Amino acid sequence: MRNAVNDSGESFKLALSPALFAHMTQELTRLPAAPPLVVALEGGYHGPSVGACCAAVLRVLLGEEAAPLPHSPPTSRGEKALLAAVRAQAAAWAPHVSEAAARRYLEAERGRGASAVAPPLKRRRCR
């Protein structure tokens, strides 16, 4: 997490880096049977940070590989949030994502070391 300042001069904590936005975009484009991806910019934040994040997302959509991120095990708060999202979206995400699959994923992530790098998924072309 790093400090940033929005266009109004207010200070805030920024937890998502351009590298993380690129990685999330890459993972979304590689989901099995993923529908077309829509990227929307809501605005209202620190201009240079938004620009850097947008550029990182666009580079991935144009075919550039995102840099691997260092692995960090999920926190209990993160695990609860993931499971809640899976339950809330169960009808829309079935059969691709289930609560059982999410629990298996979390168990595997807990077993990986903090120095590990997330393995790349199979490459899928952006439509």
Foldseek 3Di string as FASTA:
>chain_A
DDWDAFPVRDIDDDDAALLNLLVVLQVQLQQVPRDADDDDDPDDGHVVRSVSNVVSNVCVLVPDHRDWDQADQDDPVRLVVVLVVCVVCVVVCPPRDHSVVSVVVNVVSVPDDRRDTDDDHDGHHHD
